[in-house]
Amino acid sequence: MRADKEVAIFTKDSIIFGVNSIDFSVSGRLLFAGYNDYTVNVWDTLKSQRVCLLYGHENKVSCLQISPDGTCLSTGSWDYTLRIWA
């Protein structure tokens, strides 16, 4: 951590559900966040803007992680499924 202060906020007025899990891309450019509304939001960390919204789970996203090589994202949900996104 280079700064001991808040440097960015990632939000939209349309988001009304809490975040359960987050992970950065290998480069640090993208931030992935799993929400209670069953979606994963993908944020551009330089622009502080949402660049993608992943749908598919039928319950809240409880965990997620980027693969070590950065080629895919795995998500787990309270809908009893694991999903791989590429």
PDB file of N, CA and C in Angstrom:
ATOM      1  N   MET A   1       0.837  -1.168   0.000  1.00  0.00           N
ATOM      2  CA  MET A   1       0.000   0.000   0.000  1.00  0.00           C
ATOM      3  C   MET A   1       0.884   1.233   0.000  1.00  0.00           C
ATOM      4  N   ARG A   2       0.660   2.091  -0.979  1.00  0.00           N
ATOM      5  CA  ARG A   2       1.476   3.293  -1.073  1.00  0.00           C
ATOM      6  C   ARG A   2       0.886   4.477  -0.326  1.00  0.00           C
ATOM      7  N   ALA A   3      -0.404   4.418  -0.052  1.00  0.00           N
ATOM      8  CA  ALA A   3      -1.049   5.535   0.640  1.00  0.00           C
ATOM      9  C   ALA A   3      -1.878   4.995   1.796  1.00  0.00           C
ATOM     10  N   ASP A   4      -1.862   5.715   2.874  1.00  0.00           N
ATOM     11  CA  ASP A   4      -2.683   5.281   4.006  1.00  0.00           C
ATOM     12  C   ASP A   4      -3.978   6.091   4.057  1.00  0.00           C
ATOM     13  N   LYS A   5      -4.525   6.336   2.865  1.00  0.00           N
ATOM     14  CA  LYS A   5      -5.787   7.066   2.763  1.00  0.00           C
ATOM     15  C   LYS A   5      -6.624   6.456   1.642  1.00  0.00           C
ATOM     16  N   GLU A   6      -7.892   6.759   1.665  1.00  0.00           N
ATOM     17  CA  GLU A   6      -8.792   6.292   0.611  1.00  0.00           C
ATOM     18  C   GLU A   6      -8.430   6.973  -0.701  1.00  0.00           C
ATOM     19  N   VAL A   7      -8.297   6.190  -1.778  1.00  0.00           N
ATOM     20  CA  VAL A   7      -7.912   6.767  -3.062  1.00  0.00           C
ATOM     21  C   VAL A   7      -8.993   6.644  -4.133  1.00  0.00           C
ATOM     22  N   ALA A   8     -10.011   5.809  -3.912  1.00  0.00           N
ATOM     23  CA  ALA A   8     -11.083   5.670  -4.900  1.00  0.00           C
ATOM     24  C   ALA A   8     -12.318   5.060  -4.248  1.00  0.00           C
ATOM     25  N   ILE A   9     -13.470   5.381  -4.828  1.00  0.00           N
ATOM     26  CA  ILE A   9     -14.739   4.785  -4.426  1.00  0.00           C
ATOM     27  C   ILE A   9     -15.396   4.241  -5.685  1.00  0.00           C
ATOM     28  N   PHE A  10     -15.873   3.016  -5.607  1.00  0.00           N
ATOM     29  CA  PHE A  10     -16.513   2.369  -6.747  1.00  0.00           C
ATOM     30  C   PHE A  10     -17.983   2.143  -6.411  1.00  0.00           C
ATOM     31  N   THR A  11     -18.853   2.965  -6.990  1.00  0.00           N
ATOM     32  CA  THR A  11     -20.278   2.860  -6.707  1.00  0.00           C
ATOM     33  C   THR A  11     -21.099   3.422  -7.855  1.00  0.00           C
ATOM     34  N   LYS A  12     -22.352   3.031  -7.908  1.00  0.00           N
ATOM     35  CA  LYS A  12     -23.337   3.583  -8.833  1.00  0.00           C
ATOM     36  C   LYS A  12     -24.632   3.742  -8.051  1.00  0.00           C
ATOM     37  N   ASP A  13     -25.436   4.717  -8.421  1.00  0.00           N
ATOM     38  CA  ASP A  13     -26.703   4.935  -7.731  1.00  0.00           C
ATOM     39  C   ASP A  13     -27.615   3.719  -7.812  1.00  0.00           C
ATOM     40  N   SER A  14     -27.468   2.932  -8.877  1.00  0.00           N
ATOM     41  CA  SER A  14     -28.339   1.777  -9.073  1.00  0.00           C
ATOM     42  C   SER A  14     -27.964   0.584  -8.190  1.00  0.00           C
ATOM     43  N   ILE A  15     -26.813   0.630  -7.535  1.00  0.00           N
ATOM     44  CA  ILE A  15     -26.387  -0.483  -6.678  1.00  0.00           C
ATOM     45  C   ILE A  15     -26.950  -0.266  -5.279  1.00  0.00           C
ATOM     46  N   ILE A  16     -27.815  -1.190  -4.858  1.00  0.00           N
ATOM     47  CA  ILE A  16     -28.433  -1.064  -3.538  1.00  0.00           C
ATOM     48  C   ILE A  16     -28.147  -2.278  -2.659  1.00  0.00           C
ATOM     49  N   PHE A  17     -27.326  -3.202  -3.154  1.00  0.00           N
ATOM     50  CA  PHE A  17     -27.002  -4.415  -2.416  1.00  0.00           C
ATOM     51  C   PHE A  17     -25.547  -4.395  -1.972  1.00  0.00           C
ATOM     52  N   GLY A  18     -25.245  -5.143  -0.920  1.00  0.00           N
ATOM     53  CA  GLY A  18     -23.899  -5.182  -0.373  1.00  0.00           C
ATOM     54  C   GLY A  18     -22.935  -6.028  -1.181  1.00  0.00           C
ATOM     55  N   VAL A  19     -21.652  -5.795  -0.932  1.00  0.00           N
ATOM     56  CA  VAL A  19     -20.562  -6.536  -1.568  1.00  0.00           C
ATOM     57  C   VAL A  19     -20.135  -7.665  -0.639  1.00  0.00           C
ATOM     58  N   ASN A  20     -19.958  -8.867  -1.194  1.00  0.00           N
ATOM     59  CA  ASN A  20     -19.516 -10.018  -0.402  1.00  0.00           C
ATOM     60  C   ASN A  20     -18.061 -10.377  -0.627  1.00  0.00           C
ATOM     61  N   SER A  21     -17.537 -10.096  -1.824  1.00  0.00           N
ATOM     62  CA  SER A  21     -16.167 -10.518  -2.128  1.00  0.00           C
ATOM     63  C   SER A  21     -15.592  -9.640  -3.227  1.00  0.00           C
ATOM     64  N   ILE A  22     -14.266  -9.476  -3.184  1.00  0.00           N
ATOM     65  CA  ILE A  22     -13.579  -8.696  -4.209  1.00  0.00           C
ATOM     66  C   ILE A  22     -12.244  -9.347  -4.544  1.00  0.00           C
ATOM     67  N   ASP A  23     -11.759  -9.048  -5.748  1.00  0.00           N
ATOM     68  CA  ASP A  23     -10.420  -9.475  -6.149  1.00  0.00           C
ATOM     69  C   ASP A  23      -9.965  -8.564  -7.281  1.00  0.00           C
ATOM     70  N   PHE A  24      -8.669  -8.327  -7.360  1.00  0.00           N
ATOM     71  CA  PHE A  24      -8.085  -7.534  -8.433  1.00  0.00           C
ATOM     72  C   PHE A  24      -7.601  -8.436  -9.554  1.00  0.00           C
ATOM     73  N   SER A  25      -7.603  -7.906 -10.775  1.00  0.00           N
ATOM     74  CA  SER A  25      -6.967  -8.600 -11.890  1.00  0.00           C
ATOM     75  C   SER A  25      -5.469  -8.657 -11.629  1.00  0.00           C
ATOM     76  N   VAL A  26      -4.773  -9.484 -12.379  1.00  0.00           N
ATOM     77  CA  VAL A  26      -3.322  -9.633 -12.205  1.00  0.00           C
ATOM     78  C   VAL A  26      -2.620  -8.288 -12.372  1.00  0.00           C
ATOM     79  N   SER A  27      -3.062  -7.484 -13.337  1.00  0.00           N
ATOM     80  CA  SER A  27      -2.441  -6.183 -13.589  1.00  0.00           C
ATOM     81  C   SER A  27      -2.862  -5.127 -12.573  1.00  0.00           C
ATOM     82  N   GLY A  28      -3.972  -5.372 -11.873  1.00  0.00           N
ATOM     83  CA  GLY A  28      -4.498  -4.382 -10.948  1.00  0.00           C
ATOM     84  C   GLY A  28      -5.426  -3.380 -11.601  1.00  0.00           C
ATOM     85  N   ARG A  29      -5.596  -3.459 -12.902  1.00  0.00           N
ATOM     86  CA  ARG A  29      -6.443  -2.504 -13.632  1.00  0.00           C
ATOM     87  C   ARG A  29      -7.925  -2.738 -13.360  1.00  0.00           C
ATOM     88  N   LEU A  30      -8.327  -4.003 -13.193  1.00  0.00           N
ATOM     89  CA  LEU A  30      -9.735  -4.326 -12.976  1.00  0.00           C
ATOM     90  C   LEU A  30      -9.968  -4.794 -11.546  1.00  0.00           C
ATOM     91  N   LEU A  31     -11.113  -4.422 -11.015  1.00  0.00           N
ATOM     92  CA  LEU A  31     -11.546  -4.866  -9.696  1.00  0.00           C
ATOM     93  C   LEU A  31     -12.870  -5.604  -9.877  1.00  0.00           C
ATOM     94  N   PHE A  32     -12.928  -6.841  -9.399  1.00  0.00           N
ATOM     95  CA  PHE A  32     -14.122  -7.674  -9.507  1.00  0.00           C
ATOM     96  C   PHE A  32     -14.798  -7.701  -8.144  1.00  0.00           C
ATOM     97  N   ALA A  33     -16.110  -7.501  -8.116  1.00  0.00           N
ATOM     98  CA  ALA A  33     -16.845  -7.481  -6.852  1.00  0.00           C
ATOM     99  C   ALA A  33     -18.112  -8.318  -6.977  1.00  0.00           C
ATOM    100  N   GLY A  34     -18.299  -9.248  -6.047  1.00  0.00           N
ATOM    101  CA  GLY A  34     -19.499 -10.078  -6.003  1.00  0.00           C
ATOM    102  C   GLY A  34     -20.520  -9.465  -5.058  1.00  0.00           C
ATOM    103  N   TYR A  35     -21.753  -9.352  -5.522  1.00  0.00           N
ATOM    104  CA  TYR A  35     -22.803  -8.647  -4.784  1.00  0.00           C
ATOM    105  C   TYR A  35     -23.935  -9.569  -4.334  1.00  0.00           C
ATOM    106  N   ASN A  36     -24.723  -9.067  -3.389  1.00  0.00           N
ATOM    107  CA  ASN A  36     -25.895  -9.785  -2.903  1.00  0.00           C
ATOM    108  C   ASN A  36     -27.036  -9.821  -3.921  1.00  0.00           C
ATOM    109  N   ASP A  37     -26.941  -9.040  -4.994  1.00  0.00           N
ATOM    110  CA  ASP A  37     -27.998  -9.046  -6.017  1.00  0.00           C
ATOM    111  C   ASP A  37     -27.739 -10.082  -7.110  1.00  0.00           C
ATOM    112  N   TYR A  38     -26.837 -11.038  -6.824  1.00  0.00           N
ATOM    113  CA  TYR A  38     -26.526 -12.186  -7.690  1.00  0.00           C
ATOM    114  C   TYR A  38     -25.595 -11.832  -8.852  1.00  0.00           C
ATOM    115  N   THR A  39     -24.990 -10.667  -8.852  1.00  0.00           N
ATOM    116  CA  THR A  39     -24.142 -10.237  -9.965  1.00  0.00           C
ATOM    117  C   THR A  39     -22.691 -10.062  -9.533  1.00  0.00           C
ATOM    118  N   VAL A  40     -21.826  -9.961 -10.544  1.00  0.00           N
ATOM    119  CA  VAL A  40     -20.435  -9.557 -10.354  1.00  0.00           C
ATOM    120  C   VAL A  40     -20.243  -8.283 -11.162  1.00  0.00           C
ATOM    121  N   ASN A  41     -19.789  -7.235 -10.506  1.00  0.00           N
ATOM    122  CA  ASN A  41     -19.468  -5.988 -11.183  1.00  0.00           C
ATOM    123  C   ASN A  41     -17.971  -5.962 -11.448  1.00  0.00           C
ATOM    124  N   VAL A  42     -17.604  -5.522 -12.635  1.00  0.00           N
ATOM    125  CA  VAL A  42     -16.198  -5.378 -13.009  1.00  0.00           C
ATOM    126  C   VAL A  42     -15.928  -3.882 -13.141  1.00  0.00           C
ATOM    127  N   TRP A  43     -14.965  -3.403 -12.376  1.00  0.00           N
ATOM    128  CA  TRP A  43     -14.658  -1.975 -12.310  1.00  0.00           C
ATOM    129  C   TRP A  43     -13.279  -1.685 -12.897  1.00  0.00           C
ATOM    130  N   ASP A  44     -13.159  -0.591 -13.625  1.00  0.00           N
ATOM    131  CA  ASP A  44     -11.878  -0.071 -14.099  1.00  0.00           C
ATOM    132  C   ASP A  44     -11.308   0.777 -12.966  1.00  0.00           C
ATOM    133  N   THR A  45     -10.171   0.378 -12.423  1.00  0.00           N
ATOM    134  CA  THR A  45      -9.622   1.067 -11.253  1.00  0.00           C
ATOM    135  C   THR A  45      -9.029   2.433 -11.583  1.00  0.00           C
ATOM    136  N   LEU A  46      -8.661   2.667 -12.831  1.00  0.00           N
ATOM    137  CA  LEU A  46      -8.110   3.973 -13.194  1.00  0.00           C
ATOM    138  C   LEU A  46      -9.208   5.008 -13.401  1.00  0.00           C
ATOM    139  N   LYS A  47     -10.329   4.583 -13.954  1.00  0.00           N
ATOM    140  CA  LYS A  47     -11.434   5.497 -14.242  1.00  0.00           C
ATOM    141  C   LYS A  47     -12.521   5.483 -13.171  1.00  0.00           C
ATOM    142  N   SER A  48     -12.452   4.533 -12.240  1.00  0.00           N
ATOM    143  CA  SER A  48     -13.487   4.347 -11.212  1.00  0.00           C
ATOM    144  C   SER A  48     -14.869   4.185 -11.838  1.00  0.00           C
ATOM    145  N   GLN A  49     -14.918   3.429 -12.949  1.00  0.00           N
ATOM    146  CA  GLN A  49     -16.174   3.195 -13.656  1.00  0.00           C
ATOM    147  C   GLN A  49     -16.417   1.706 -13.826  1.00  0.00           C
ATOM    148  N   ARG A  50     -17.687   1.320 -13.779  1.00  0.00           N
ATOM    149  CA  ARG A  50     -18.042  -0.072 -14.044  1.00  0.00           C
ATOM    150  C   ARG A  50     -17.924  -0.324 -15.538  1.00  0.00           C
ATOM    151  N   VAL A  51     -17.230  -1.404 -15.906  1.00  0.00           N
ATOM    152  CA  VAL A  51     -17.027  -1.726 -17.317  1.00  0.00           C
ATOM    153  C   VAL A  51     -17.783  -2.971 -17.749  1.00  0.00           C
ATOM    154  N   CYS A  52     -18.274  -3.756 -16.797  1.00  0.00           N
ATOM    155  CA  CYS A  52     -18.968  -4.989 -17.151  1.00  0.00           C
ATOM    156  C   CYS A  52     -19.816  -5.441 -15.970  1.00  0.00           C
ATOM    157  N   LEU A  53     -20.899  -6.139 -16.281  1.00  0.00           N
ATOM    158  CA  LEU A  53     -21.776  -6.705 -15.271  1.00  0.00           C
ATOM    159  C   LEU A  53     -22.035  -8.153 -15.653  1.00  0.00           C
ATOM    160  N   LEU A  54     -21.667  -9.096 -14.786  1.00  0.00           N
ATOM    161  CA  LEU A  54     -21.815 -10.522 -15.072  1.00  0.00           C
ATOM    162  C   LEU A  54     -23.052 -11.071 -14.369  1.00  0.00           C
ATOM    163  N   TYR A  55     -23.956 -11.645 -15.168  1.00  0.00           N
ATOM    164  CA  TYR A  55     -25.185 -12.264 -14.659  1.00  0.00           C
ATOM    165  C   TYR A  55     -25.073 -13.773 -14.792  1.00  0.00           C
ATOM    166  N   GLY A  56     -25.766 -14.506 -13.959  1.00  0.00           N
ATOM    167  CA  GLY A  56     -25.793 -15.952 -14.092  1.00  0.00           C
ATOM    168  C   GLY A  56     -26.176 -16.666 -12.817  1.00  0.00           C
ATOM    169  N   HIS A  57     -25.730 -16.158 -11.693  1.00  0.00           N
ATOM    170  CA  HIS A  57     -26.063 -16.798 -10.425  1.00  0.00           C
ATOM    171  C   HIS A  57     -27.521 -16.524 -10.051  1.00  0.00           C
ATOM    172  N   GLU A  58     -28.094 -17.436  -9.291  1.00  0.00           N
ATOM    173  CA  GLU A  58     -29.486 -17.314  -8.866  1.00  0.00           C
ATOM    174  C   GLU A  58     -29.608 -17.013  -7.373  1.00  0.00           C
ATOM    175  N   ASN A  59     -28.490 -16.670  -6.755  1.00  0.00           N
ATOM    176  CA  ASN A  59     -28.467 -16.221  -5.366  1.00  0.00           C
ATOM    177  C   ASN A  59     -27.204 -15.382  -5.202  1.00  0.00           C
ATOM    178  N   LYS A  60     -26.989 -14.826  -4.008  1.00  0.00           N
ATOM    179  CA  LYS A  60     -25.865 -13.902  -3.839  1.00  0.00           C
ATOM    180  C   LYS A  60     -24.519 -14.569  -4.114  1.00  0.00           C
ATOM    181  N   VAL A  61     -23.610 -13.783  -4.664  1.00  0.00           N
ATOM    182  CA  VAL A  61     -22.252 -14.239  -4.960  1.00  0.00           C
ATOM    183  C   VAL A  61     -21.456 -14.141  -3.665  1.00  0.00           C
ATOM    184  N   SER A  62     -20.999 -15.282  -3.170  1.00  0.00           N
ATOM    185  CA  SER A  62     -20.346 -15.311  -1.863  1.00  0.00           C
ATOM    186  C   SER A  62     -18.826 -15.250  -1.934  1.00  0.00           C
ATOM    187  N   CYS A  63     -18.249 -15.658  -3.071  1.00  0.00           N
ATOM    188  CA  CYS A  63     -16.792 -15.615  -3.198  1.00  0.00           C
ATOM    189  C   CYS A  63     -16.417 -15.541  -4.673  1.00  0.00           C
ATOM    190  N   LEU A  64     -15.239 -15.015  -4.920  1.00  0.00           N
ATOM    191  CA  LEU A  64     -14.710 -14.981  -6.285  1.00  0.00           C
ATOM    192  C   LEU A  64     -13.199 -14.870  -6.228  1.00  0.00           C
ATOM    193  N   GLN A  65     -12.547 -15.298  -7.320  1.00  0.00           N
ATOM    194  CA  GLN A  65     -11.091 -15.194  -7.392  1.00  0.00           C
ATOM    195  C   GLN A  65     -10.648 -15.264  -8.846  1.00  0.00           C
ATOM    196  N   ILE A  66      -9.639 -14.460  -9.166  1.00  0.00           N
ATOM    197  CA  ILE A  66      -9.010 -14.489 -10.484  1.00  0.00           C
ATOM    198  C   ILE A  66      -8.000 -15.626 -10.497  1.00  0.00           C
ATOM    199  N   SER A  67      -7.905 -16.326 -11.630  1.00  0.00           N
ATOM    200  CA  SER A  67      -6.904 -17.389 -11.749  1.00  0.00           C
ATOM    201  C   SER A  67      -5.506 -16.777 -11.704  1.00  0.00           C
ATOM    202  N   PRO A  68      -4.507 -17.544 -11.289  1.00  0.00           N
ATOM    203  CA  PRO A  68      -3.142 -17.010 -11.185  1.00  0.00           C
ATOM    204  C   PRO A  68      -2.609 -16.417 -12.491  1.00  0.00           C
ATOM    205  N   ASP A  69      -3.036 -16.974 -13.633  1.00  0.00           N
ATOM    206  CA  ASP A  69      -2.562 -16.430 -14.909  1.00  0.00           C
ATOM    207  C   ASP A  69      -3.458 -15.310 -15.434  1.00  0.00           C
ATOM    208  N   GLY A  70      -4.535 -14.998 -14.716  1.00  0.00           N
ATOM    209  CA  GLY A  70      -5.404 -13.884 -15.079  1.00  0.00           C
ATOM    210  C   GLY A  70      -6.360 -14.141 -16.221  1.00  0.00           C
ATOM    211  N   THR A  71      -6.480 -15.387 -16.662  1.00  0.00           N
ATOM    212  CA  THR A  71      -7.313 -15.672 -17.836  1.00  0.00           C
ATOM    213  C   THR A  71      -8.769 -15.957 -17.512  1.00  0.00           C
ATOM    214  N   CYS A  72      -9.081 -16.236 -16.261  1.00  0.00           N
ATOM    215  CA  CYS A  72     -10.482 -16.510 -15.931  1.00  0.00           C
ATOM    216  C   CYS A  72     -10.796 -16.100 -14.495  1.00  0.00           C
ATOM    217  N   LEU A  73     -12.075 -15.984 -14.246  1.00  0.00           N
ATOM    218  CA  LEU A  73     -12.602 -15.618 -12.938  1.00  0.00           C
ATOM    219  C   LEU A  73     -13.484 -16.759 -12.463  1.00  0.00           C
ATOM    220  N   SER A  74     -13.316 -17.180 -11.229  1.00  0.00           N
ATOM    221  CA  SER A  74     -14.212 -18.189 -10.658  1.00  0.00           C
ATOM    222  C   SER A  74     -15.084 -17.504  -9.611  1.00  0.00           C
ATOM    223  N   THR A  75     -16.369 -17.903  -9.583  1.00  0.00           N
ATOM    224  CA  THR A  75     -17.306 -17.342  -8.621  1.00  0.00           C
ATOM    225  C   THR A  75     -18.071 -18.464  -7.940  1.00  0.00           C
ATOM    226  N   GLY A  76     -18.397 -18.254  -6.689  1.00  0.00           N
ATOM    227  CA  GLY A  76     -19.225 -19.182  -5.929  1.00  0.00           C
ATOM    228  C   GLY A  76     -20.430 -18.436  -5.391  1.00  0.00           C
ATOM    229  N   SER A  77     -21.547 -19.139  -5.287  1.00  0.00           N
ATOM    230  CA  SER A  77     -22.785 -18.490  -4.893  1.00  0.00           C
ATOM    231  C   SER A  77     -23.564 -19.332  -3.903  1.00  0.00           C
ATOM    232  N   TRP A  78     -24.490 -18.674  -3.224  1.00  0.00           N
ATOM    233  CA  TRP A  78     -25.417 -19.363  -2.335  1.00  0.00           C
ATOM    234  C   TRP A  78     -26.444 -20.169  -3.126  1.00  0.00           C
ATOM    235  N   ASP A  79     -26.368 -20.130  -4.465  1.00  0.00           N
ATOM    236  CA  ASP A  79     -27.252 -20.973  -5.282  1.00  0.00           C
ATOM    237  C   ASP A  79     -26.644 -22.360  -5.490  1.00  0.00           C
ATOM    238  N   TYR A  80     -25.572 -22.659  -4.746  1.00  0.00           N
ATOM    239  CA  TYR A  80     -24.892 -23.964  -4.763  1.00  0.00           C
ATOM    240  C   TYR A  80     -24.147 -24.233  -6.065  1.00  0.00           C
ATOM    241  N   THR A  81     -23.750 -23.171  -6.777  1.00  0.00           N
ATOM    242  CA  THR A  81     -22.987 -23.364  -8.010  1.00  0.00           C
ATOM    243  C   THR A  81     -21.654 -22.635  -7.937  1.00  0.00           C
ATOM    244  N   LEU A  82     -20.706 -23.166  -8.680  1.00  0.00           N
ATOM    245  CA  LEU A  82     -19.435 -22.505  -8.965  1.00  0.00           C
ATOM    246  C   LEU A  82     -19.444 -22.226 -10.453  1.00  0.00           C
ATOM    247  N   ARG A  83     -18.990 -21.057 -10.843  1.00  0.00           N
ATOM    248  CA  ARG A  83     -18.961 -20.709 -12.268  1.00  0.00           C
ATOM    249  C   ARG A  83     -17.566 -20.217 -12.633  1.00  0.00           C
ATOM    250  N   ILE A  84     -17.175 -20.510 -13.862  1.00  0.00           N
ATOM    251  CA  ILE A  84     -15.907 -20.033 -14.414  1.00  0.00           C
ATOM    252  C   ILE A  84     -16.246 -19.087 -15.559  1.00  0.00           C
ATOM    253  N   TRP A  85     -15.657 -17.909 -15.523  1.00  0.00           N
ATOM    254  CA  TRP A  85     -15.884 -16.876 -16.542  1.00  0.00           C
ATOM    255  C   TRP A  85     -14.567 -16.628 -17.261  1.00  0.00           C
ATOM    256  N   ALA A  86     -14.626 -16.521 -18.590  1.00  0.00           N
ATOM    257  CA  ALA A  86     -13.396 -16.267 -19.364  1.00  0.00           C
ATOM    258  C   ALA A  86     -13.654 -15.239 -20.452  1.00  0.00           C
TER     259      ALA A  86
END
